[in-house]
Amino acid sequence: MCQCPLAVGGAEMMRQIALPLAFLLAVTGAIGLYLGVQSAPVSESEIIERHAADYVTETGGARTDCYAVPSGVEGVRMIVICEAEGSEAWFRAVDARGAPVDAALVFGEDGT
């Protein structure tokens, strides 16, 4: 008679190893997917759309009044500018993730 591990309680032992291993792999995969999605770069179009929506909410202007220009300032990816004809320009400087940055950084003003 065969005394191999699968014949003597081996199936139960394999199940005790396989289930936790499968769970661990599933959790690791889910964490990797989450971190990958979080680190995906935001497109310039998404940034412009987000801040154009802010402009519309704050001023009642049109989304088509908005455009963006690249920034030469370190830490500032672009400047979203919204200009309606006959009104003062609205702008927002944003970082690489699309979050607003302090306007003083753009204009080189000292915070002291």
PDB file of N, CA and C in Angstrom:
ATOM      1  N   MET A   1       0.845  -1.173   0.000  1.00  0.00           N
ATOM      2  CA  MET A   1       0.000   0.000   0.000  1.00  0.00           C
ATOM      3  C   MET A   1       0.891   1.238   0.000  1.00  0.00           C
ATOM      4  N   CYS A   2       0.456   2.228  -0.692  1.00  0.00           N
ATOM      5  CA  CYS A   2       1.232   3.468  -0.860  1.00  0.00           C
ATOM      6  C   CYS A   2       1.109   4.342   0.388  1.00  0.00           C
ATOM      7  N   GLN A   3       2.232   4.822   0.885  1.00  0.00           N
ATOM      8  CA  GLN A   3       2.251   5.714   2.037  1.00  0.00           C
ATOM      9  C   GLN A   3       2.615   7.138   1.611  1.00  0.00           C
ATOM     10  N   CYS A   4       2.234   7.546   0.398  1.00  0.00           N
ATOM     11  CA  CYS A   4       2.561   8.893  -0.078  1.00  0.00           C
ATOM     12  C   CYS A   4       1.692   9.922   0.653  1.00  0.00           C
ATOM     13  N   PRO A   5       2.128  11.203   0.690  1.00  0.00           N
ATOM     14  CA  PRO A   5       1.419  12.221   1.476  1.00  0.00           C
ATOM     15  C   PRO A   5      -0.030  12.426   1.057  1.00  0.00           C
ATOM     16  N   LEU A   6      -0.331  12.307  -0.222  1.00  0.00           N
ATOM     17  CA  LEU A   6      -1.705  12.517  -0.659  1.00  0.00           C
ATOM     18  C   LEU A   6      -2.616  11.387  -0.211  1.00  0.00           C
ATOM     19  N   ALA A   7      -2.065  10.192  -0.032  1.00  0.00           N
ATOM     20  CA  ALA A   7      -2.885   9.064   0.373  1.00  0.00           C
ATOM     21  C   ALA A   7      -3.191   9.096   1.869  1.00  0.00           C
ATOM     22  N   VAL A   8      -2.315   9.668   2.680  1.00  0.00           N
ATOM     23  CA  VAL A   8      -2.505   9.681   4.128  1.00  0.00           C
ATOM     24  C   VAL A   8      -2.730  11.123   4.586  1.00  0.00           C
ATOM     25  N   GLY A   9      -3.948  11.627   4.484  1.00  0.00           N
ATOM     26  CA  GLY A   9      -4.269  12.972   4.933  1.00  0.00           C
ATOM     27  C   GLY A   9      -3.675  14.059   4.069  1.00  0.00           C
ATOM     28  N   GLY A  10      -3.157  13.718   2.932  1.00  0.00           N
ATOM     29  CA  GLY A  10      -2.497  14.691   2.061  1.00  0.00           C
ATOM     30  C   GLY A  10      -3.452  15.695   1.455  1.00  0.00           C
ATOM     31  N   ALA A  11      -4.650  15.268   1.114  1.00  0.00           N
ATOM     32  CA  ALA A  11      -5.621  16.184   0.512  1.00  0.00           C
ATOM     33  C   ALA A  11      -6.004  17.280   1.503  1.00  0.00           C
ATOM     34  N   GLU A  12      -6.189  16.904   2.740  1.00  0.00           N
ATOM     35  CA  GLU A  12      -6.527  17.887   3.775  1.00  0.00           C
ATOM     36  C   GLU A  12      -5.372  18.850   3.994  1.00  0.00           C
ATOM     37  N   MET A  13      -4.153  18.324   3.973  1.00  0.00           N
ATOM     38  CA  MET A  13      -2.974  19.158   4.152  1.00  0.00           C
ATOM     39  C   MET A  13      -2.839  20.142   2.983  1.00  0.00           C
ATOM     40  N   MET A  14      -3.088  19.677   1.774  1.00  0.00           N
ATOM     41  CA  MET A  14      -3.002  20.555   0.602  1.00  0.00           C
ATOM     42  C   MET A  14      -4.044  21.677   0.699  1.00  0.00           C
ATOM     43  N   ARG A  15      -5.238  21.349   1.168  1.00  0.00           N
ATOM     44  CA  ARG A  15      -6.292  22.344   1.319  1.00  0.00           C
ATOM     45  C   ARG A  15      -5.895  23.379   2.371  1.00  0.00           C
ATOM     46  N   GLN A  16      -5.259  22.941   3.439  1.00  0.00           N
ATOM     47  CA  GLN A  16      -4.822  23.854   4.494  1.00  0.00           C
ATOM     48  C   GLN A  16      -3.742  24.807   3.999  1.00  0.00           C
ATOM     49  N   ILE A  17      -2.995  24.405   3.018  1.00  0.00           N
ATOM     50  CA  ILE A  17      -1.962  25.272   2.449  1.00  0.00           C
ATOM     51  C   ILE A  17      -2.521  26.115   1.314  1.00  0.00           C
ATOM     52  N   ALA A  18      -3.334  25.507   0.463  1.00  0.00           N
ATOM     53  CA  ALA A  18      -3.810  26.173  -0.749  1.00  0.00           C
ATOM     54  C   ALA A  18      -4.775  27.324  -0.448  1.00  0.00           C
ATOM     55  N   LEU A  19      -5.681  27.152   0.478  1.00  0.00           N
ATOM     56  CA  LEU A  19      -6.660  28.211   0.753  1.00  0.00           C
ATOM     57  C   LEU A  19      -6.014  29.486   1.303  1.00  0.00           C
ATOM     58  N   PRO A  20      -5.150  29.406   2.304  1.00  0.00           N
ATOM     59  CA  PRO A  20      -4.486  30.638   2.759  1.00  0.00           C
ATOM     60  C   PRO A  20      -3.597  31.257   1.679  1.00  0.00           C
ATOM     61  N   LEU A  21      -2.950  30.404   0.889  1.00  0.00           N
ATOM     62  CA  LEU A  21      -2.113  30.920  -0.191  1.00  0.00           C
ATOM     63  C   LEU A  21      -2.961  31.646  -1.232  1.00  0.00           C
ATOM     64  N   ALA A  22      -4.103  31.089  -1.597  1.00  0.00           N
ATOM     65  CA  ALA A  22      -5.000  31.739  -2.555  1.00  0.00           C
ATOM     66  C   ALA A  22      -5.506  33.065  -1.993  1.00  0.00           C
ATOM     67  N   PHE A  23      -5.851  33.079  -0.714  1.00  0.00           N
ATOM     68  CA  PHE A  23      -6.308  34.315  -0.077  1.00  0.00           C
ATOM     69  C   PHE A  23      -5.208  35.370  -0.092  1.00  0.00           C
ATOM     70  N   LEU A  24      -3.997  34.968   0.252  1.00  0.00           N
ATOM     71  CA  LEU A  24      -2.862  35.890   0.263  1.00  0.00           C
ATOM     72  C   LEU A  24      -2.601  36.464  -1.133  1.00  0.00           C
ATOM     73  N   LEU A  25      -2.659  35.631  -2.144  1.00  0.00           N
ATOM     74  CA  LEU A  25      -2.458  36.104  -3.517  1.00  0.00           C
ATOM     75  C   LEU A  25      -3.569  37.059  -3.951  1.00  0.00           C
ATOM     76  N   ALA A  26      -4.807  36.775  -3.573  1.00  0.00           N
ATOM     77  CA  ALA A  26      -5.924  37.651  -3.927  1.00  0.00           C
ATOM     78  C   ALA A  26      -5.783  39.020  -3.257  1.00  0.00           C
ATOM     79  N   VAL A  27      -5.427  39.032  -1.983  1.00  0.00           N
ATOM     80  CA  VAL A  27      -5.245  40.298  -1.262  1.00  0.00           C
ATOM     81  C   VAL A  27      -4.085  41.090  -1.860  1.00  0.00           C
ATOM     82  N   THR A  28      -2.982  40.414  -2.157  1.00  0.00           N
ATOM     83  CA  THR A  28      -1.824  41.084  -2.754  1.00  0.00           C
ATOM     84  C   THR A  28      -2.184  41.673  -4.115  1.00  0.00           C
ATOM     85  N   GLY A  29      -2.928  40.929  -4.911  1.00  0.00           N
ATOM     86  CA  GLY A  29      -3.361  41.429  -6.216  1.00  0.00           C
ATOM     87  C   GLY A  29      -4.269  42.641  -6.086  1.00  0.00           C
ATOM     88  N   ALA A  30      -5.189  42.610  -5.133  1.00  0.00           N
ATOM     89  CA  ALA A  30      -6.096  43.741  -4.927  1.00  0.00           C
ATOM     90  C   ALA A  30      -5.332  44.987  -4.487  1.00  0.00           C
ATOM     91  N   ILE A  31      -4.374  44.818  -3.597  1.00  0.00           N
ATOM     92  CA  ILE A  31      -3.562  45.956  -3.146  1.00  0.00           C
ATOM     93  C   ILE A  31      -2.750  46.514  -4.308  1.00  0.00           C
ATOM     94  N   GLY A  32      -2.164  45.640  -5.114  1.00  0.00           N
ATOM     95  CA  GLY A  32      -1.398  46.090  -6.279  1.00  0.00           C
ATOM     96  C   GLY A  32      -2.256  46.851  -7.267  1.00  0.00           C
ATOM     97  N   LEU A  33      -3.459  46.370  -7.517  1.00  0.00           N
ATOM     98  CA  LEU A  33      -4.370  47.064  -8.427  1.00  0.00           C
ATOM     99  C   LEU A  33      -4.747  48.435  -7.877  1.00  0.00           C
ATOM    100  N   TYR A  34      -5.062  48.504  -6.590  1.00  0.00           N
ATOM    101  CA  TYR A  34      -5.423  49.774  -5.963  1.00  0.00           C
ATOM    102  C   TYR A  34      -4.282  50.785  -6.074  1.00  0.00           C
ATOM    103  N   LEU A  35      -3.073  50.352  -5.744  1.00  0.00           N
ATOM    104  CA  LEU A  35      -1.923  51.260  -5.801  1.00  0.00           C
ATOM    105  C   LEU A  35      -1.615  51.679  -7.236  1.00  0.00           C
ATOM    106  N   GLY A  36      -1.806  50.791  -8.180  1.00  0.00           N
ATOM    107  CA  GLY A  36      -1.586  51.131  -9.580  1.00  0.00           C
ATOM    108  C   GLY A  36      -2.562  52.179 -10.073  1.00  0.00           C
ATOM    109  N   VAL A  37      -3.816  52.047  -9.698  1.00  0.00           N
ATOM    110  CA  VAL A  37      -4.828  53.029 -10.104  1.00  0.00           C
ATOM    111  C   VAL A  37      -4.556  54.373  -9.437  1.00  0.00           C
ATOM    112  N   GLN A  38      -4.151  54.359  -8.170  1.00  0.00           N
ATOM    113  CA  GLN A  38      -3.871  55.600  -7.453  1.00  0.00           C
ATOM    114  C   GLN A  38      -2.684  56.350  -8.030  1.00  0.00           C
ATOM    115  N   SER A  39      -1.715  55.632  -8.566  1.00  0.00           N
ATOM    116  CA  SER A  39      -0.515  56.292  -9.073  1.00  0.00           C
ATOM    117  C   SER A  39      -0.603  56.637 -10.553  1.00  0.00           C
ATOM    118  N   ALA A  40      -1.707  56.308 -11.199  1.00  0.00           N
ATOM    119  CA  ALA A  40      -1.861  56.625 -12.621  1.00  0.00           C
ATOM    120  C   ALA A  40      -1.874  58.142 -12.793  1.00  0.00           C
ATOM    121  N   PRO A  41      -1.124  58.652 -13.748  1.00  0.00           N
ATOM    122  CA  PRO A  41      -1.074  60.106 -13.930  1.00  0.00           C
ATOM    123  C   PRO A  41      -2.405  60.664 -14.429  1.00  0.00           C
ATOM    124  N   VAL A  42      -2.709  61.867 -13.989  1.00  0.00           N
ATOM    125  CA  VAL A  42      -3.920  62.557 -14.405  1.00  0.00           C
ATOM    126  C   VAL A  42      -3.615  63.255 -15.727  1.00  0.00           C
ATOM    127  N   SER A  43      -4.514  63.131 -16.701  1.00  0.00           N
ATOM    128  CA  SER A  43      -4.266  63.759 -17.999  1.00  0.00           C
ATOM    129  C   SER A  43      -4.513  65.266 -17.916  1.00  0.00           C
ATOM    130  N   GLU A  44      -3.925  65.984 -18.845  1.00  0.00           N
ATOM    131  CA  GLU A  44      -4.111  67.434 -18.881  1.00  0.00           C
ATOM    132  C   GLU A  44      -5.574  67.785 -19.122  1.00  0.00           C
ATOM    133  N   SER A  45      -6.250  67.012 -19.962  1.00  0.00           N
ATOM    134  CA  SER A  45      -7.669  67.264 -20.227  1.00  0.00           C
ATOM    135  C   SER A  45      -8.498  67.129 -18.960  1.00  0.00           C
ATOM    136  N   GLU A  46      -8.202  66.107 -18.149  1.00  0.00           N
ATOM    137  CA  GLU A  46      -8.934  65.915 -16.893  1.00  0.00           C
ATOM    138  C   GLU A  46      -8.703  67.085 -15.946  1.00  0.00           C
ATOM    139  N   ILE A  47      -7.480  67.571 -15.889  1.00  0.00           N
ATOM    140  CA  ILE A  47      -7.169  68.711 -15.023  1.00  0.00           C
ATOM    141  C   ILE A  47      -7.932  69.943 -15.484  1.00  0.00           C
ATOM    142  N   ILE A  48      -7.895  70.218 -16.771  1.00  0.00           N
ATOM    143  CA  ILE A  48      -8.586  71.398 -17.302  1.00  0.00           C
ATOM    144  C   ILE A  48     -10.085  71.288 -17.050  1.00  0.00           C
ATOM    145  N   GLU A  49     -10.664  70.113 -17.303  1.00  0.00           N
ATOM    146  CA  GLU A  49     -12.102  69.925 -17.087  1.00  0.00           C
ATOM    147  C   GLU A  49     -12.483  70.144 -15.625  1.00  0.00           C
ATOM    148  N   ARG A  50     -11.685  69.620 -14.716  1.00  0.00           N
ATOM    149  CA  ARG A  50     -11.980  69.757 -13.285  1.00  0.00           C
ATOM    150  C   ARG A  50     -12.008  71.224 -12.868  1.00  0.00           C
ATOM    151  N   HIS A  51     -11.003  71.982 -13.309  1.00  0.00           N
ATOM    152  CA  HIS A  51     -10.929  73.378 -12.884  1.00  0.00           C
ATOM    153  C   HIS A  51     -11.860  74.274 -13.698  1.00  0.00           C
ATOM    154  N   ALA A  52     -12.187  73.876 -14.906  1.00  0.00           N
ATOM    155  CA  ALA A  52     -13.202  74.608 -15.667  1.00  0.00           C
ATOM    156  C   ALA A  52     -14.556  74.478 -14.972  1.00  0.00           C
ATOM    157  N   ALA A  53     -14.833  73.309 -14.405  1.00  0.00           N
ATOM    158  CA  ALA A  53     -16.078  73.124 -13.648  1.00  0.00           C
ATOM    159  C   ALA A  53     -16.091  74.031 -12.414  1.00  0.00           C
ATOM    160  N   ASP A  54     -14.942  74.189 -11.753  1.00  0.00           N
ATOM    161  CA  ASP A  54     -14.847  75.119 -10.619  1.00  0.00           C
ATOM    162  C   ASP A  54     -15.138  76.544 -11.074  1.00  0.00           C
ATOM    163  N   TYR A  55     -14.582  76.915 -12.222  1.00  0.00           N
ATOM    164  CA  TYR A  55     -14.793  78.253 -12.780  1.00  0.00           C
ATOM    165  C   TYR A  55     -16.277  78.494 -13.044  1.00  0.00           C
ATOM    166  N   VAL A  56     -16.935  77.520 -13.646  1.00  0.00           N
ATOM    167  CA  VAL A  56     -18.370  77.658 -13.942  1.00  0.00           C
ATOM    168  C   VAL A  56     -19.156  77.814 -12.649  1.00  0.00           C
ATOM    169  N   THR A  57     -18.814  77.027 -11.629  1.00  0.00           N
ATOM    170  CA  THR A  57     -19.510  77.102 -10.342  1.00  0.00           C
ATOM    171  C   THR A  57     -19.299  78.453  -9.666  1.00  0.00           C
ATOM    172  N   GLU A  58     -18.065  78.942  -9.689  1.00  0.00           N
ATOM    173  CA  GLU A  58     -17.739  80.186  -8.991  1.00  0.00           C
ATOM    174  C   GLU A  58     -18.219  81.432  -9.724  1.00  0.00           C
ATOM    175  N   THR A  59     -18.166  81.431 -11.047  1.00  0.00           N
ATOM    176  CA  THR A  59     -18.442  82.662 -11.791  1.00  0.00           C
ATOM    177  C   THR A  59     -19.675  82.601 -12.675  1.00  0.00           C
ATOM    178  N   GLY A  60     -20.147  81.407 -12.986  1.00  0.00           N
ATOM    179  CA  GLY A  60     -21.275  81.287 -13.899  1.00  0.00           C
ATOM    180  C   GLY A  60     -20.863  81.375 -15.361  1.00  0.00           C
ATOM    181  N   GLY A  61     -19.558  81.389 -15.617  1.00  0.00           N
ATOM    182  CA  GLY A  61     -19.056  81.443 -16.989  1.00  0.00           C
ATOM    183  C   GLY A  61     -19.241  80.113 -17.699  1.00  0.00           C
ATOM    184  N   ALA A  62     -18.709  80.039 -18.910  1.00  0.00           N
ATOM    185  CA  ALA A  62     -18.815  78.818 -19.710  1.00  0.00           C
ATOM    186  C   ALA A  62     -17.514  78.030 -19.646  1.00  0.00           C
ATOM    187  N   ARG A  63     -17.628  76.723 -19.749  1.00  0.00           N
ATOM    188  CA  ARG A  63     -16.429  75.868 -19.747  1.00  0.00           C
ATOM    189  C   ARG A  63     -15.526  76.178 -20.929  1.00  0.00           C
ATOM    190  N   THR A  64     -16.117  76.625 -22.009  1.00  0.00           N
ATOM    191  CA  THR A  64     -15.339  76.921 -23.216  1.00  0.00           C
ATOM    192  C   THR A  64     -14.489  78.171 -23.066  1.00  0.00           C
ATOM    193  N   ASP A  65     -14.637  78.896 -21.977  1.00  0.00           N
ATOM    194  CA  ASP A  65     -13.793  80.070 -21.717  1.00  0.00           C
ATOM    195  C   ASP A  65     -12.402  79.655 -21.232  1.00  0.00           C
ATOM    196  N   CYS A  66     -12.211  78.369 -20.963  1.00  0.00           N
ATOM    197  CA  CYS A  66     -10.998  77.911 -20.278  1.00  0.00           C
ATOM    198  C   CYS A  66     -10.001  77.220 -21.205  1.00  0.00           C
ATOM    199  N   TYR A  67      -8.745  77.424 -20.884  1.00  0.00           N
ATOM    200  CA  TYR A  67      -7.632  76.748 -21.547  1.00  0.00           C
ATOM    201  C   TYR A  67      -6.489  76.686 -20.544  1.00  0.00           C
ATOM    202  N   ALA A  68      -5.412  76.010 -20.899  1.00  0.00           N
ATOM    203  CA  ALA A  68      -4.274  75.896 -19.981  1.00  0.00           C
ATOM    204  C   ALA A  68      -2.983  76.168 -20.724  1.00  0.00           C
ATOM    205  N   VAL A  69      -2.018  76.668 -19.983  1.00  0.00           N
ATOM    206  CA  VAL A  69      -0.678  76.895 -20.525  1.00  0.00           C
ATOM    207  C   VAL A  69       0.315  76.182 -19.609  1.00  0.00           C
ATOM    208  N   PRO A  70       1.396  75.654 -20.181  1.00  0.00           N
ATOM    209  CA  PRO A  70       2.405  75.014 -19.335  1.00  0.00           C
ATOM    210  C   PRO A  70       3.107  76.048 -18.469  1.00  0.00           C
ATOM    211  N   SER A  71       3.569  75.605 -17.330  1.00  0.00           N
ATOM    212  CA  SER A  71       4.250  76.506 -16.408  1.00  0.00           C
ATOM    213  C   SER A  71       5.741  76.209 -16.400  1.00  0.00           C
ATOM    214  N   GLY A  72       6.527  77.247 -16.265  1.00  0.00           N
ATOM    215  CA  GLY A  72       7.965  77.086 -16.134  1.00  0.00           C
ATOM    216  C   GLY A  72       8.421  77.077 -14.688  1.00  0.00           C
ATOM    217  N   VAL A  73       7.475  77.125 -13.769  1.00  0.00           N
ATOM    218  CA  VAL A  73       7.787  77.170 -12.341  1.00  0.00           C
ATOM    219  C   VAL A  73       7.847  75.744 -11.796  1.00  0.00           C
ATOM    220  N   GLU A  74       8.897  75.429 -11.049  1.00  0.00           N
ATOM    221  CA  GLU A  74       9.026  74.096 -10.466  1.00  0.00           C
ATOM    222  C   GLU A  74       7.880  73.842  -9.495  1.00  0.00           C
ATOM    223  N   GLY A  75       7.256  72.686  -9.620  1.00  0.00           N
ATOM    224  CA  GLY A  75       6.141  72.328  -8.753  1.00  0.00           C
ATOM    225  C   GLY A  75       4.792  72.738  -9.301  1.00  0.00           C
ATOM    226  N   VAL A  76       4.785  73.433 -10.433  1.00  0.00           N
ATOM    227  CA  VAL A  76       3.533  73.849 -11.062  1.00  0.00           C
ATOM    228  C   VAL A  76       3.499  73.233 -12.459  1.00  0.00           C
ATOM    229  N   ARG A  77       2.543  72.345 -12.694  1.00  0.00           N
ATOM    230  CA  ARG A  77       2.459  71.662 -13.993  1.00  0.00           C
ATOM    231  C   ARG A  77       1.897  72.571 -15.068  1.00  0.00           C
ATOM    232  N   MET A  78       0.807  73.245 -14.736  1.00  0.00           N
ATOM    233  CA  MET A  78       0.168  74.124 -15.713  1.00  0.00           C
ATOM    234  C   MET A  78      -0.676  75.162 -14.998  1.00  0.00           C
ATOM    235  N   ILE A  79      -1.094  76.156 -15.764  1.00  0.00           N
ATOM    236  CA  ILE A  79      -1.989  77.180 -15.241  1.00  0.00           C
ATOM    237  C   ILE A  79      -3.253  77.138 -16.088  1.00  0.00           C
ATOM    238  N   VAL A  80      -4.376  76.893 -15.439  1.00  0.00           N
ATOM    239  CA  VAL A  80      -5.671  76.882 -16.121  1.00  0.00           C
ATOM    240  C   VAL A  80      -6.195  78.309 -16.083  1.00  0.00           C
ATOM    241  N   ILE A  81      -6.498  78.840 -17.254  1.00  0.00           N
ATOM    242  CA  ILE A  81      -6.959  80.226 -17.379  1.00  0.00           C
ATOM    243  C   ILE A  81      -8.343  80.211 -18.015  1.00  0.00           C
ATOM    244  N   CYS A  82      -9.251  80.969 -17.436  1.00  0.00           N
ATOM    245  CA  CYS A  82     -10.595  81.099 -17.987  1.00  0.00           C
ATOM    246  C   CYS A  82     -10.861  82.583 -18.190  1.00  0.00           C
ATOM    247  N   GLU A  83     -11.163  82.952 -19.425  1.00  0.00           N
ATOM    248  CA  GLU A  83     -11.393  84.356 -19.763  1.00  0.00           C
ATOM    249  C   GLU A  83     -12.688  84.488 -20.546  1.00  0.00           C
ATOM    250  N   ALA A  84     -13.639  85.154 -19.956  1.00  0.00           N
ATOM    251  CA  ALA A  84     -14.852  85.502 -20.685  1.00  0.00           C
ATOM    252  C   ALA A  84     -14.637  86.892 -21.269  1.00  0.00           C
ATOM    253  N   GLU A  85     -15.162  87.114 -22.437  1.00  0.00           N
ATOM    254  CA  GLU A  85     -14.974  88.408 -23.093  1.00  0.00           C
ATOM    255  C   GLU A  85     -15.553  89.523 -22.222  1.00  0.00           C
ATOM    256  N   GLY A  86     -14.744  90.531 -21.964  1.00  0.00           N
ATOM    257  CA  GLY A  86     -15.185  91.677 -21.180  1.00  0.00           C
ATOM    258  C   GLY A  86     -15.121  91.472 -19.674  1.00  0.00           C
ATOM    259  N   SER A  87     -14.503  90.406 -19.211  1.00  0.00           N
ATOM    260  CA  SER A  87     -14.395  90.208 -17.762  1.00  0.00           C
ATOM    261  C   SER A  87     -12.948  89.877 -17.402  1.00  0.00           C
ATOM    262  N   GLU A  88     -12.666  89.972 -16.114  1.00  0.00           N
ATOM    263  CA  GLU A  88     -11.311  89.705 -15.634  1.00  0.00           C
ATOM    264  C   GLU A  88     -11.000  88.209 -15.731  1.00  0.00           C
ATOM    265  N   ALA A  89      -9.758  87.891 -16.037  1.00  0.00           N
ATOM    266  CA  ALA A  89      -9.350  86.489 -16.178  1.00  0.00           C
ATOM    267  C   ALA A  89      -9.362  85.789 -14.820  1.00  0.00           C
ATOM    268  N   TRP A  90      -9.775  84.545 -14.833  1.00  0.00           N
ATOM    269  CA  TRP A  90      -9.762  83.663 -13.665  1.00  0.00           C
ATOM    270  C   TRP A  90      -8.677  82.639 -13.935  1.00  0.00           C
ATOM    271  N   PHE A  91      -7.837  82.344 -12.952  1.00  0.00           N
ATOM    272  CA  PHE A  91      -6.799  81.345 -13.188  1.00  0.00           C
ATOM    273  C   PHE A  91      -6.592  80.479 -11.962  1.00  0.00           C
ATOM    274  N   ARG A  92      -6.020  79.305 -12.215  1.00  0.00           N
ATOM    275  CA  ARG A  92      -5.670  78.395 -11.133  1.00  0.00           C
ATOM    276  C   ARG A  92      -4.414  77.647 -11.555  1.00  0.00           C
ATOM    277  N   ALA A  93      -3.376  77.743 -10.739  1.00  0.00           N
ATOM    278  CA  ALA A  93      -2.138  76.999 -10.967  1.00  0.00           C
ATOM    279  C   ALA A  93      -2.283  75.636 -10.301  1.00  0.00           C
ATOM    280  N   VAL A  94      -1.839  74.580 -10.997  1.00  0.00           N
ATOM    281  CA  VAL A  94      -2.007  73.226 -10.478  1.00  0.00           C
ATOM    282  C   VAL A  94      -0.692  72.452 -10.536  1.00  0.00           C
ATOM    283  N   ASP A  95      -0.576  71.472  -9.637  1.00  0.00           N
ATOM    284  CA  ASP A  95       0.629  70.631  -9.604  1.00  0.00           C
ATOM    285  C   ASP A  95       0.459  69.424 -10.525  1.00  0.00           C
ATOM    286  N   ALA A  96       1.366  68.482 -10.443  1.00  0.00           N
ATOM    287  CA  ALA A  96       1.368  67.320 -11.337  1.00  0.00           C
ATOM    288  C   ALA A  96       0.133  66.443 -11.168  1.00  0.00           C
ATOM    289  N   ARG A  97      -0.485  66.436  -9.995  1.00  0.00           N
ATOM    290  CA  ARG A  97      -1.691  65.634  -9.748  1.00  0.00           C
ATOM    291  C   ARG A  97      -2.966  66.407 -10.030  1.00  0.00           C
ATOM    292  N   GLY A  98      -2.836  67.695 -10.390  1.00  0.00           N
ATOM    293  CA  GLY A  98      -4.004  68.505 -10.686  1.00  0.00           C
ATOM    294  C   GLY A  98      -4.538  69.276  -9.499  1.00  0.00           C
ATOM    295  N   ALA A  99      -3.852  69.216  -8.373  1.00  0.00           N
ATOM    296  CA  ALA A  99      -4.282  69.942  -7.178  1.00  0.00           C
ATOM    297  C   ALA A  99      -3.815  71.394  -7.266  1.00  0.00           C
ATOM    298  N   PRO A 100      -4.646  72.330  -6.824  1.00  0.00           N
ATOM    299  CA  PRO A 100      -4.244  73.742  -6.862  1.00  0.00           C
ATOM    300  C   PRO A 100      -3.016  74.001  -5.996  1.00  0.00           C
ATOM    301  N   VAL A 101      -2.182  74.927  -6.450  1.00  0.00           N
ATOM    302  CA  VAL A 101      -1.023  75.360  -5.666  1.00  0.00           C
ATOM    303  C   VAL A 101      -1.192  76.838  -5.345  1.00  0.00           C
ATOM    304  N   ASP A 102      -0.445  77.304  -4.379  1.00  0.00           N
ATOM    305  CA  ASP A 102      -0.520  78.693  -3.945  1.00  0.00           C
ATOM    306  C   ASP A 102      -0.109  79.631  -5.079  1.00  0.00           C
ATOM    307  N   ALA A 103      -0.902  80.653  -5.323  1.00  0.00           N
ATOM    308  CA  ALA A 103      -0.610  81.613  -6.393  1.00  0.00           C
ATOM    309  C   ALA A 103       0.704  82.340  -6.148  1.00  0.00           C
ATOM    310  N   ALA A 104       1.102  82.495  -4.894  1.00  0.00           N
ATOM    311  CA  ALA A 104       2.365  83.169  -4.582  1.00  0.00           C
ATOM    312  C   ALA A 104       3.544  82.409  -5.183  1.00  0.00           C
ATOM    313  N   LEU A 105       3.429  81.091  -5.277  1.00  0.00           N
ATOM    314  CA  LEU A 105       4.481  80.279  -5.885  1.00  0.00           C
ATOM    315  C   LEU A 105       4.632  80.619  -7.365  1.00  0.00           C
ATOM    316  N   VAL A 106       3.526  80.851  -8.022  1.00  0.00           N
ATOM    317  CA  VAL A 106       3.547  81.164  -9.457  1.00  0.00           C
ATOM    318  C   VAL A 106       4.161  82.533  -9.702  1.00  0.00           C
ATOM    319  N   PHE A 107       3.797  83.494  -8.881  1.00  0.00           N
ATOM    320  CA  PHE A 107       4.269  84.860  -9.078  1.00  0.00           C
ATOM    321  C   PHE A 107       5.608  85.124  -8.407  1.00  0.00           C
ATOM    322  N   GLY A 108       6.146  84.120  -7.710  1.00  0.00           N
ATOM    323  CA  GLY A 108       7.448  84.262  -7.069  1.00  0.00           C
ATOM    324  C   GLY A 108       7.438  85.180  -5.872  1.00  0.00           C
ATOM    325  N   GLU A 109       6.274  85.341  -5.240  1.00  0.00           N
ATOM    326  CA  GLU A 109       6.177  86.207  -4.069  1.00  0.00           C
ATOM    327  C   GLU A 109       6.682  85.462  -2.849  1.00  0.00           C
ATOM    328  N   ASP A 110       7.362  86.173  -1.981  1.00  0.00           N
ATOM    329  CA  ASP A 110       7.865  85.585  -0.744  1.00  0.00           C
ATOM    330  C   ASP A 110       6.737  85.547   0.271  1.00  0.00           C
ATOM    331  N   GLY A 111       6.579  84.425   0.959  1.00  0.00           N
ATOM    332  CA  GLY A 111       5.499  84.267   1.928  1.00  0.00           C
ATOM    333  C   GLY A 111       5.742  84.984   3.238  1.00  0.00           C
ATOM    334  N   THR A 112       6.891  85.670   3.398  1.00  0.00           N
ATOM    335  CA  THR A 112       7.173  86.329   4.680  1.00  0.00           C
ATOM    336  C   THR A 112       6.788  87.777   4.648  1.00  0.00           C
TER     337      THR A 112
END
